[in-house]
Amino acid sequence: AYLRGVFLSRGSINRPEGEYHLELLLNDNRMALAVQKMLDKFALEPG
């Protein structure tokens, strides 16, 4: 649910017909690292 809220606030995703790319745009370092760690728990391995 938290990740759903993050995407609603700062998420974007390319159309699958083009290049594959999804991103979450954050302006806080600690939150960005925490979200990255949370995604890792789902084995998503984000950059």
All heavy atoms as atom14 arrays in JSON, in Angstrom:
{
  "sequence": "AYLRGVFLSRGSINRPEGEYHLELLLNDNRMALAVQKMLDKFALEPG",
  "atom14_mask": [
    [1, 1, 1, 1, 1, 0, 0, 0, 0, 0, 0, 0, 0, 0],
    [1, 1, 1, 1, 1, 1, 1, 1, 1, 1, 1, 1, 0, 0],
    [1, 1, 1, 1, 1, 1, 1, 1, 0, 0, 0, 0, 0, 0],
    [1, 1, 1, 1, 1, 1, 1, 1, 1, 1, 1, 0, 0, 0],
    [1, 1, 1, 1, 0, 0, 0, 0, 0, 0, 0, 0, 0, 0],
    [1, 1, 1, 1, 1, 1, 1, 0, 0, 0, 0, 0, 0, 0],
    [1, 1, 1, 1, 1, 1, 1, 1, 1, 1, 1, 0, 0, 0],
    [1, 1, 1, 1, 1, 1, 1, 1, 0, 0, 0, 0, 0, 0],
    [1, 1, 1, 1, 1, 1, 0, 0, 0, 0, 0, 0, 0, 0],
    [1, 1, 1, 1, 1, 1, 1, 1, 1, 1, 1, 0, 0, 0],
    [1, 1, 1, 1, 0, 0, 0, 0, 0, 0, 0, 0, 0, 0],
    [1, 1, 1, 1, 1, 1, 0, 0, 0, 0, 0, 0, 0, 0],
    [1, 1, 1, 1, 1, 1, 1, 1, 0, 0, 0, 0, 0, 0],
    [1, 1, 1, 1, 1, 1, 1, 1, 0, 0, 0, 0, 0, 0],
    [1, 1, 1, 1, 1, 1, 1, 1, 1, 1, 1, 0, 0, 0],
    [1, 1, 1, 1, 1, 1, 1, 0, 0, 0, 0, 0, 0, 0],
    [1, 1, 1, 1, 1, 1, 1, 1, 1, 0, 0, 0, 0, 0],
    [1, 1, 1, 1, 0, 0, 0, 0, 0, 0, 0, 0, 0, 0],
    [1, 1, 1, 1, 1, 1, 1, 1, 1, 0, 0, 0, 0, 0],
    [1, 1, 1, 1, 1, 1, 1, 1, 1, 1, 1, 1, 0, 0],
    [1, 1, 1, 1, 1, 1, 1, 1, 1, 1, 0, 0, 0, 0],
    [1, 1, 1, 1, 1, 1, 1, 1, 0, 0, 0, 0, 0, 0],
    [1, 1, 1, 1, 1, 1, 1, 1, 1, 0, 0, 0, 0, 0],
    [1, 1, 1, 1, 1, 1, 1, 1, 0, 0, 0, 0, 0, 0],
    [1, 1, 1, 1, 1, 1, 1, 1, 0, 0, 0, 0, 0, 0],
    [1, 1, 1, 1, 1, 1, 1, 1, 0, 0, 0, 0, 0, 0],
    [1, 1, 1, 1, 1, 1, 1, 1, 0, 0, 0, 0, 0, 0],
    [1, 1, 1, 1, 1, 1, 1, 1, 0, 0, 0, 0, 0, 0],
    [1, 1, 1, 1, 1, 1, 1, 1, 0, 0, 0, 0, 0, 0],
    [1, 1, 1, 1, 1, 1, 1, 1, 1, 1, 1, 0, 0, 0],
    [1, 1, 1, 1, 1, 1, 1, 1, 0, 0, 0, 0, 0, 0],
    [1, 1, 1, 1, 1, 0, 0, 0, 0, 0, 0, 0, 0, 0],
    [1, 1, 1, 1, 1, 1, 1, 1, 0, 0, 0, 0, 0, 0],
    [1, 1, 1, 1, 1, 0, 0, 0, 0, 0, 0, 0, 0, 0],
    [1, 1, 1, 1, 1, 1, 1, 0, 0, 0, 0, 0, 0, 0],
    [1, 1, 1, 1, 1, 1, 1, 1, 1, 0, 0, 0, 0, 0],
    [1, 1, 1, 1, 1, 1, 1, 1, 1, 0, 0, 0, 0, 0],
    [1, 1, 1, 1, 1, 1, 1, 1, 0, 0, 0, 0, 0, 0],
    [1, 1, 1, 1, 1, 1, 1, 1, 0, 0, 0, 0, 0, 0],
    [1, 1, 1, 1, 1, 1, 1, 1, 0, 0, 0, 0, 0, 0],
    [1, 1, 1, 1, 1, 1, 1, 1, 1, 0, 0, 0, 0, 0],
    [1, 1, 1, 1, 1, 1, 1, 1, 1, 1, 1, 0, 0, 0],
    [1, 1, 1, 1, 1, 0, 0, 0, 0, 0, 0, 0, 0, 0],
    [1, 1, 1, 1, 1, 1, 1, 1, 0, 0, 0, 0, 0, 0],
    [1, 1, 1, 1, 1, 1, 1, 1, 1, 0, 0, 0, 0, 0],
    [1, 1, 1, 1, 1, 1, 1, 0, 0, 0, 0, 0, 0, 0],
    [1, 1, 1, 1, 0, 0, 0, 0, 0, 0, 0, 0, 0, 0]
  ],
  "atom14_positions": [
    [[0.83, -1.2, 0.0], [0.0, 0.0, 0.0], [0.87, 1.25, 0.0], [0.56, 2.24, -0.69], [-0.92, -0.01, 1.22], [0.0, 0.0, 0.0], [0.0, 0.0, 0.0], [0.0, 0.0, 0.0], [0.0, 0.0, 0.0], [0.0, 0.0, 0.0], [0.0, 0.0, 0.0], [0.0, 0.0, 0.0], [0.0, 0.0, 0.0], [0.0, 0.0, 0.0]],
    [[1.95, 1.24, 0.77], [2.84, 2.4, 0.82], [3.45, 2.68, -0.54], [3.49, 3.82, -1.01], [3.94, 2.18, 1.85], [4.69, 3.44, 2.21], [4.3, 4.22, 3.28], [5.79, 3.86, 1.47], [4.97, 5.38, 3.61], [6.47, 5.02, 1.78], [6.06, 5.78, 2.86], [6.72, 6.93, 3.16], [0.0, 0.0, 0.0], [0.0, 0.0, 0.0]],
    [[3.92, 1.63, -1.21], [4.51, 1.79, -2.54], [3.47, 2.29, -3.54], [3.79, 3.05, -4.46], [5.12, 0.47, -3.02], [6.38, 0.03, -2.28], [6.79, -1.37, -2.69], [7.53, 1.01, -2.54], [0.0, 0.0, 0.0], [0.0, 0.0, 0.0], [0.0, 0.0, 0.0], [0.0, 0.0, 0.0], [0.0, 0.0, 0.0], [0.0, 0.0, 0.0]],
    [[2.23, 1.87, -3.35], [1.16, 2.37, -4.22], [1.0, 3.88, -4.03], [0.85, 4.63, -4.99], [-0.14, 1.64, -3.89], [-1.29, 1.98, -4.82], [-2.38, 0.92, -4.77], [-2.88, 0.7, -3.43], [-2.83, -0.48, -2.79], [-2.31, -1.54, -3.38], [-3.31, -0.6, -1.56], [0.0, 0.0, 0.0], [0.0, 0.0, 0.0], [0.0, 0.0, 0.0]],
    [[1.07, 4.32, -2.77], [0.99, 5.75, -2.5], [2.17, 6.52, -3.06], [2.0, 7.64, -3.57], [0.0, 0.0, 0.0], [0.0, 0.0, 0.0], [0.0, 0.0, 0.0], [0.0, 0.0, 0.0], [0.0, 0.0, 0.0], [0.0, 0.0, 0.0], [0.0, 0.0, 0.0], [0.0, 0.0, 0.0], [0.0, 0.0, 0.0], [0.0, 0.0, 0.0]],
    [[3.36, 5.93, -3.0], [4.55, 6.58, -3.56], [4.38, 6.76, -5.06], [4.68, 7.83, -5.61], [5.82, 5.76, -3.26], [7.03, 6.34, -4.0], [6.1, 5.75, -1.75], [0.0, 0.0, 0.0], [0.0, 0.0, 0.0], [0.0, 0.0, 0.0], [0.0, 0.0, 0.0], [0.0, 0.0, 0.0], [0.0, 0.0, 0.0], [0.0, 0.0, 0.0]],
    [[3.9, 5.72, -5.75], [3.71, 5.85, -7.2], [2.66, 6.9, -7.53], [2.83, 7.68, -8.47], [3.33, 4.51, -7.82], [3.3, 4.55, -9.33], [4.44, 4.25, -10.05], [2.16, 4.92, -10.02], [4.44, 4.31, -11.44], [2.14, 4.99, -11.4], [3.29, 4.68, -12.11], [0.0, 0.0, 0.0], [0.0, 0.0, 0.0], [0.0, 0.0, 0.0]],
    [[1.57, 6.92, -6.78], [0.53, 7.92, -7.03], [1.08, 9.33, -6.89], [0.68, 10.24, -7.61], [-0.64, 7.71, -6.06], [-1.63, 6.6, -6.43], [-2.58, 6.33, -5.28], [-2.41, 6.95, -7.69], [0.0, 0.0, 0.0], [0.0, 0.0, 0.0], [0.0, 0.0, 0.0], [0.0, 0.0, 0.0], [0.0, 0.0, 0.0], [0.0, 0.0, 0.0]],
    [[2.02, 9.53, -5.96], [2.57, 10.87, -5.73], [3.67, 11.22, -6.71], [3.73, 12.34, -7.22], [3.12, 10.97, -4.3], [2.09, 10.93, -3.35], [0.0, 0.0, 0.0], [0.0, 0.0, 0.0], [0.0, 0.0, 0.0], [0.0, 0.0, 0.0], [0.0, 0.0, 0.0], [0.0, 0.0, 0.0], [0.0, 0.0, 0.0], [0.0, 0.0, 0.0]],
    [[4.58, 10.27, -6.99], [5.79, 10.62, -7.74], [6.19, 9.56, -8.75], [7.34, 9.47, -9.14], [6.96, 10.82, -6.77], [6.9, 12.09, -5.94], [7.15, 13.32, -6.81], [7.25, 14.52, -5.98], [6.21, 15.25, -5.62], [5.0, 14.89, -6.01], [6.38, 16.32, -4.87], [0.0, 0.0, 0.0], [0.0, 0.0, 0.0], [0.0, 0.0, 0.0]],
    [[5.25, 8.75, -9.21], [5.61, 7.68, -10.12], [5.35, 7.98, -11.57], [4.47, 8.77, -11.91], [0.0, 0.0, 0.0], [0.0, 0.0, 0.0], [0.0, 0.0, 0.0], [0.0, 0.0, 0.0], [0.0, 0.0, 0.0], [0.0, 0.0, 0.0], [0.0, 0.0, 0.0], [0.0, 0.0, 0.0], [0.0, 0.0, 0.0], [0.0, 0.0, 0.0]],
    [[6.13, 7.36, -12.43], [5.88, 7.43, -13.88], [6.37, 6.13, -14.5], [7.27, 5.47, -13.98], [6.59, 8.63, -14.52], [7.99, 8.47, -14.45], [0.0, 0.0, 0.0], [0.0, 0.0, 0.0], [0.0, 0.0, 0.0], [0.0, 0.0, 0.0], [0.0, 0.0, 0.0], [0.0, 0.0, 0.0], [0.0, 0.0, 0.0], [0.0, 0.0, 0.0]],
    [[5.76, 5.77, -15.62], [6.12, 4.54, -16.31], [5.93, 4.74, -17.8], [4.92, 5.3, -18.24], [5.28, 3.35, -15.78], [5.62, 2.05, -16.52], [3.79, 3.64, -15.88], [4.94, 0.84, -15.92], [0.0, 0.0, 0.0], [0.0, 0.0, 0.0], [0.0, 0.0, 0.0], [0.0, 0.0, 0.0], [0.0, 0.0, 0.0], [0.0, 0.0, 0.0]],
    [[6.91, 4.33, -18.59], [6.81, 4.45, -20.04], [5.8, 3.46, -20.6], [5.56, 2.39, -20.01], [8.17, 4.18, -20.69], [9.16, 5.29, -20.47], [8.84, 6.33, -19.9], [10.38, 5.09, -20.92], [0.0, 0.0, 0.0], [0.0, 0.0, 0.0], [0.0, 0.0, 0.0], [0.0, 0.0, 0.0], [0.0, 0.0, 0.0], [0.0, 0.0, 0.0]],
    [[5.26, 3.8, -21.74], [4.41, 2.84, -22.44], [5.25, 1.62, -22.82], [6.39, 1.76, -23.25], [3.83, 3.46, -23.71], [2.7, 4.43, -23.45], [1.93, 4.77, -24.72], [0.76, 5.58, -24.41], [-0.4, 5.09, -23.99], [-0.53, 3.79, -23.84], [-1.41, 5.88, -23.72], [0.0, 0.0, 0.0], [0.0, 0.0, 0.0], [0.0, 0.0, 0.0]],
    [[4.72, 0.42, -22.66], [5.51, -0.78, -22.94], [5.91, -0.91, -24.4], [6.83, -1.67, -24.72], [4.56, -1.92, -22.53], [3.19, -1.32, -22.56], [3.37, 0.11, -22.17], [0.0, 0.0, 0.0], [0.0, 0.0, 0.0], [0.0, 0.0, 0.0], [0.0, 0.0, 0.0], [0.0, 0.0, 0.0], [0.0, 0.0, 0.0], [0.0, 0.0, 0.0]],
    [[5.26, -0.15, -25.31], [5.67, -0.2, -26.71], [7.06, 0.39, -26.91], [7.74, 0.06, -27.88], [4.68, 0.56, -27.59], [3.3, -0.09, -27.71], [2.36, 0.32, -26.59], [2.82, 0.97, -25.63], [1.17, -0.02, -26.66], [0.0, 0.0, 0.0], [0.0, 0.0, 0.0], [0.0, 0.0, 0.0], [0.0, 0.0, 0.0], [0.0, 0.0, 0.0]],
    [[7.47, 1.28, -26.01], [8.79, 1.92, -26.11], [9.8, 1.24, -25.22], [9.73, 0.03, -24.98], [0.0, 0.0, 0.0], [0.0, 0.0, 0.0], [0.0, 0.0, 0.0], [0.0, 0.0, 0.0], [0.0, 0.0, 0.0], [0.0, 0.0, 0.0], [0.0, 0.0, 0.0], [0.0, 0.0, 0.0], [0.0, 0.0, 0.0], [0.0, 0.0, 0.0]],
    [[10.75, 2.02, -24.71], [11.75, 1.49, -23.8], [11.11, 1.24, -22.43], [10.28, 2.01, -21.96], [12.92, 2.46, -23.65], [13.74, 2.63, -24.93], [14.95, 3.51, -24.71], [15.14, 3.99, -23.56], [15.7, 3.73, -25.66], [0.0, 0.0, 0.0], [0.0, 0.0, 0.0], [0.0, 0.0, 0.0], [0.0, 0.0, 0.0], [0.0, 0.0, 0.0]],
    [[11.53, 0.17, -21.8], [11.0, -0.15, -20.49], [11.64, 0.76, -19.44], [12.86, 0.79, -19.28], [11.28, -1.61, -20.14], [10.64, -2.6, -21.1], [11.41, -3.52, -21.79], [9.27, -2.59, -21.3], [10.82, -4.42, -22.66], [8.67, -3.48, -22.18], [9.45, -4.4, -22.85], [8.86, -5.28, -23.72], [0.0, 0.0, 0.0], [0.0, 0.0, 0.0]],
    [[10.81, 1.49, -18.71], [11.35, 2.38, -17.68], [10.25, 2.79, -16.72], [9.2, 3.27, -17.13], [11.97, 3.62, -18.32], [12.72, 4.49, -17.35], [13.99, 4.19, -16.91], [12.37, 5.63, -16.72], [14.39, 5.12, -16.05], [13.42, 6.01, -15.92], [0.0, 0.0, 0.0], [0.0, 0.0, 0.0], [0.0, 0.0, 0.0], [0.0, 0.0, 0.0]],
    [[10.5, 2.58, -15.43], [9.61, 3.02, -14.37], [10.45, 3.77, -13.36], [11.56, 3.34, -13.04], [8.91, 1.83, -13.71], [7.94, 2.13, -12.56], [6.81, 1.1, -12.54], [8.62, 2.16, -11.19], [0.0, 0.0, 0.0], [0.0, 0.0, 0.0], [0.0, 0.0, 0.0], [0.0, 0.0, 0.0], [0.0, 0.0, 0.0], [0.0, 0.0, 0.0]],
    [[9.95, 4.9, -12.85], [10.72, 5.66, -11.89], [9.83, 6.3, -10.83], [8.65, 6.59, -11.07], [11.58, 6.72, -12.57], [10.84, 7.83, -13.26], [11.78, 8.83, -13.91], [12.84, 8.42, -14.42], [11.44, 10.03, -13.93], [0.0, 0.0, 0.0], [0.0, 0.0, 0.0], [0.0, 0.0, 0.0], [0.0, 0.0, 0.0], [0.0, 0.0, 0.0]],
    [[10.44, 6.49, -9.66], [9.82, 7.19, -8.55], [10.72, 8.38, -8.23], [11.89, 8.2, -7.88], [9.69, 6.27, -7.34], [8.95, 4.94, -7.59], [9.08, 4.02, -6.39], [7.49, 5.19, -7.91], [0.0, 0.0, 0.0], [0.0, 0.0, 0.0], [0.0, 0.0, 0.0], [0.0, 0.0, 0.0], [0.0, 0.0, 0.0], [0.0, 0.0, 0.0]],
    [[10.18, 9.57, -8.38], [10.97, 10.8, -8.25], [10.79, 11.37, -6.85], [9.7, 11.8, -6.48], [10.51, 11.81, -9.31], [11.35, 13.07, -9.51], [12.71, 12.73, -10.09], [10.62, 14.04, -10.44], [0.0, 0.0, 0.0], [0.0, 0.0, 0.0], [0.0, 0.0, 0.0], [0.0, 0.0, 0.0], [0.0, 0.0, 0.0], [0.0, 0.0, 0.0]],
    [[11.88, 11.39, -6.07], [11.81, 11.83, -4.67], [12.81, 12.94, -4.41], [13.9, 12.94, -4.98], [12.09, 10.64, -3.74], [11.14, 9.44, -3.93], [11.68, 8.21, -3.24], [9.75, 9.77, -3.42], [0.0, 0.0, 0.0], [0.0, 0.0, 0.0], [0.0, 0.0, 0.0], [0.0, 0.0, 0.0], [0.0, 0.0, 0.0], [0.0, 0.0, 0.0]],
    [[12.42, 13.87, -3.55], [13.32, 14.99, -3.27], [13.97, 14.89, -1.9], [14.5, 15.87, -1.38], [12.57, 16.33, -3.39], [11.39, 16.4, -2.44], [11.16, 15.49, -1.64], [10.63, 17.47, -2.54], [0.0, 0.0, 0.0], [0.0, 0.0, 0.0], [0.0, 0.0, 0.0], [0.0, 0.0, 0.0], [0.0, 0.0, 0.0], [0.0, 0.0, 0.0]],
    [[13.95, 13.7, -1.31], [14.54, 13.5, 0.0], [15.42, 12.25, -0.02], [14.98, 11.18, -0.41], [13.43, 13.34, 1.05], [14.0, 13.04, 2.43], [14.48, 13.98, 3.08], [14.0, 11.86, 2.81], [0.0, 0.0, 0.0], [0.0, 0.0, 0.0], [0.0, 0.0, 0.0], [0.0, 0.0, 0.0], [0.0, 0.0, 0.0], [0.0, 0.0, 0.0]],
    [[16.65, 12.4, 0.4], [17.63, 11.32, 0.32], [17.24, 10.13, 1.17], [17.27, 8.98, 0.72], [19.0, 11.84, 0.75], [20.08, 10.78, 0.64], [20.36, 10.3, -0.45], [20.67, 10.41, 1.76], [0.0, 0.0, 0.0], [0.0, 0.0, 0.0], [0.0, 0.0, 0.0], [0.0, 0.0, 0.0], [0.0, 0.0, 0.0], [0.0, 0.0, 0.0]],
    [[16.83, 10.38, 2.43], [16.5, 9.27, 3.32], [15.27, 8.51, 2.84], [15.2, 7.29, 2.93], [16.3, 9.78, 4.75], [17.61, 10.1, 5.46], [17.39, 10.27, 6.94], [16.62, 11.46, 7.23], [16.08, 11.71, 8.43], [16.21, 10.85, 9.4], [15.41, 12.84, 8.62], [0.0, 0.0, 0.0], [0.0, 0.0, 0.0], [0.0, 0.0, 0.0]],
    [[14.29, 9.23, 2.33], [13.1, 8.55, 1.83], [13.42, 7.73, 0.58], [12.93, 6.62, 0.41], [11.99, 9.55, 1.53], [10.74, 8.88, 0.96], [9.3, 9.96, 0.93], [8.86, 9.92, 2.66], [0.0, 0.0, 0.0], [0.0, 0.0, 0.0], [0.0, 0.0, 0.0], [0.0, 0.0, 0.0], [0.0, 0.0, 0.0], [0.0, 0.0, 0.0]],
    [[14.25, 8.28, -0.32], [14.64, 7.55, -1.53], [15.33, 6.25, -1.17], [15.05, 5.19, -1.75], [15.54, 8.42, -2.4], [0.0, 0.0, 0.0], [0.0, 0.0, 0.0], [0.0, 0.0, 0.0], [0.0, 0.0, 0.0], [0.0, 0.0, 0.0], [0.0, 0.0, 0.0], [0.0, 0.0, 0.0], [0.0, 0.0, 0.0], [0.0, 0.0, 0.0]],
    [[16.25, 6.29, -0.2], [16.96, 5.09, 0.22], [16.0, 4.09, 0.88], [16.13, 2.87, 0.69], [18.1, 5.45, 1.17], [19.26, 6.24, 0.55], [20.25, 6.66, 1.63], [19.97, 5.42, -0.52], [0.0, 0.0, 0.0], [0.0, 0.0, 0.0], [0.0, 0.0, 0.0], [0.0, 0.0, 0.0], [0.0, 0.0, 0.0], [0.0, 0.0, 0.0]],
    [[15.06, 4.6, 1.67], [14.1, 3.73, 2.33], [13.18, 3.06, 1.32], [12.86, 1.87, 1.44], [13.28, 4.53, 3.35], [0.0, 0.0, 0.0], [0.0, 0.0, 0.0], [0.0, 0.0, 0.0], [0.0, 0.0, 0.0], [0.0, 0.0, 0.0], [0.0, 0.0, 0.0], [0.0, 0.0, 0.0], [0.0, 0.0, 0.0], [0.0, 0.0, 0.0]],
    [[12.73, 3.81, 0.3], [11.88, 3.23, -0.74], [12.67, 2.2, -1.55], [12.15, 1.13, -1.89], [11.33, 4.34, -1.67], [10.68, 3.74, -2.91], [10.32, 5.2, -0.91], [0.0, 0.0, 0.0], [0.0, 0.0, 0.0], [0.0, 0.0, 0.0], [0.0, 0.0, 0.0], [0.0, 0.0, 0.0], [0.0, 0.0, 0.0], [0.0, 0.0, 0.0]],
    [[13.92, 2.5, -1.84], [14.77, 1.54, -2.54], [14.89, 0.25, -1.74], [14.79, -0.86, -2.29], [16.14, 2.13, -2.8], [17.07, 1.21, -3.59], [18.47, 1.79, -3.73], [18.97, 2.46, -2.82], [19.11, 1.54, -4.86], [0.0, 0.0, 0.0], [0.0, 0.0, 0.0], [0.0, 0.0, 0.0], [0.0, 0.0, 0.0], [0.0, 0.0, 0.0]],
    [[15.12, 0.38, -0.45], [15.24, -0.8, 0.42], [13.93, -1.58, 0.46], [13.92, -2.82, 0.46], [15.65, -0.36, 1.82], [15.95, -1.52, 2.77], [16.46, -1.0, 4.1], [16.78, -2.17, 5.04], [17.28, -1.69, 6.35], [0.0, 0.0, 0.0], [0.0, 0.0, 0.0], [0.0, 0.0, 0.0], [0.0, 0.0, 0.0], [0.0, 0.0, 0.0]],
    [[12.81, -0.86, 0.49], [11.51, -1.52, 0.51], [11.28, -2.32, -0.77], [10.77, -3.45, -0.75], [10.39, -0.49, 0.7], [9.04, -1.1, 1.04], [7.73, 0.15, 1.2], [8.42, 1.17, 2.49], [0.0, 0.0, 0.0], [0.0, 0.0, 0.0], [0.0, 0.0, 0.0], [0.0, 0.0, 0.0], [0.0, 0.0, 0.0], [0.0, 0.0, 0.0]],
    [[11.66, -1.73, -1.91], [11.53, -2.44, -3.18], [12.43, -3.67, -3.22], [12.08, -4.69, -3.82], [11.88, -1.49, -4.34], [10.87, -0.38, -4.61], [11.45, 0.64, -5.59], [9.57, -0.94, -5.16], [0.0, 0.0, 0.0], [0.0, 0.0, 0.0], [0.0, 0.0, 0.0], [0.0, 0.0, 0.0], [0.0, 0.0, 0.0], [0.0, 0.0, 0.0]],
    [[13.59, -3.57, -2.58], [14.48, -4.73, -2.51], [13.84, -5.9, -1.78], [14.12, -7.06, -2.09], [15.79, -4.35, -1.8], [16.78, -3.68, -2.74], [16.73, -3.98, -3.95], [17.59, -2.87, -2.27], [0.0, 0.0, 0.0], [0.0, 0.0, 0.0], [0.0, 0.0, 0.0], [0.0, 0.0, 0.0], [0.0, 0.0, 0.0], [0.0, 0.0, 0.0]],
    [[12.98, -5.61, -0.8], [12.3, -6.68, -0.06], [11.37, -7.47, -0.97], [11.02, -8.62, -0.65], [11.53, -6.09, 1.12], [12.43, -5.53, 2.23], [11.62, -5.05, 3.41], [12.53, -4.48, 4.5], [13.46, -5.49, 5.05], [0.0, 0.0, 0.0], [0.0, 0.0, 0.0], [0.0, 0.0, 0.0], [0.0, 0.0, 0.0], [0.0, 0.0, 0.0]],
    [[10.96, -6.86, -2.07], [10.14, -7.57, -3.06], [10.99, -8.1, -4.22], [10.46, -8.46, -5.27], [9.04, -6.65, -3.59], [7.99, -6.31, -2.59], [8.02, -5.11, -1.9], [6.96, -7.19, -2.32], [7.05, -4.78, -0.97], [5.97, -6.87, -1.38], [6.02, -5.67, -0.71], [0.0, 0.0, 0.0], [0.0, 0.0, 0.0], [0.0, 0.0, 0.0]],
    [[12.32, -8.11, -4.02], [13.28, -8.63, -5.01], [13.22, -7.86, -6.33], [13.42, -8.44, -7.4], [13.02, -10.12, -5.26], [0.0, 0.0, 0.0], [0.0, 0.0, 0.0], [0.0, 0.0, 0.0], [0.0, 0.0, 0.0], [0.0, 0.0, 0.0], [0.0, 0.0, 0.0], [0.0, 0.0, 0.0], [0.0, 0.0, 0.0], [0.0, 0.0, 0.0]],
    [[12.95, -6.55, -6.27], [12.86, -5.75, -7.49], [14.2, -5.12, -7.88], [14.37, -4.71, -9.03], [11.8, -4.65, -7.31], [10.37, -5.16, -7.14], [9.4, -4.01, -6.93], [9.94, -6.0, -8.33], [0.0, 0.0, 0.0], [0.0, 0.0, 0.0], [0.0, 0.0, 0.0], [0.0, 0.0, 0.0], [0.0, 0.0, 0.0], [0.0, 0.0, 0.0]],
    [[15.12, -5.02, -6.95], [16.48, -4.55, -7.22], [16.5, -3.25, -8.03], [17.03, -3.18, -9.14], [17.27, -5.64, -7.97], [17.35, -6.95, -7.21], [18.03, -8.04, -8.01], [18.36, -7.8, -9.18], [18.22, -9.13, -7.46], [0.0, 0.0, 0.0], [0.0, 0.0, 0.0], [0.0, 0.0, 0.0], [0.0, 0.0, 0.0], [0.0, 0.0, 0.0]],
    [[15.94, -2.18, -7.49], [15.89, -0.92, -8.24], [17.23, -0.21, -8.27], [18.1, -0.44, -7.41], [14.87, -0.1, -7.43], [15.05, -0.59, -6.03], [15.33, -2.06, -6.16], [0.0, 0.0, 0.0], [0.0, 0.0, 0.0], [0.0, 0.0, 0.0], [0.0, 0.0, 0.0], [0.0, 0.0, 0.0], [0.0, 0.0, 0.0], [0.0, 0.0, 0.0]],
    [[17.41, 0.66, -9.25], [18.57, 1.53, -9.3], [18.24, 2.87, -8.64], [17.07, 3.19, -8.4], [0.0, 0.0, 0.0], [0.0, 0.0, 0.0], [0.0, 0.0, 0.0], [0.0, 0.0, 0.0], [0.0, 0.0, 0.0], [0.0, 0.0, 0.0], [0.0, 0.0, 0.0], [0.0, 0.0, 0.0], [0.0, 0.0, 0.0], [0.0, 0.0, 0.0]]
  ]
}
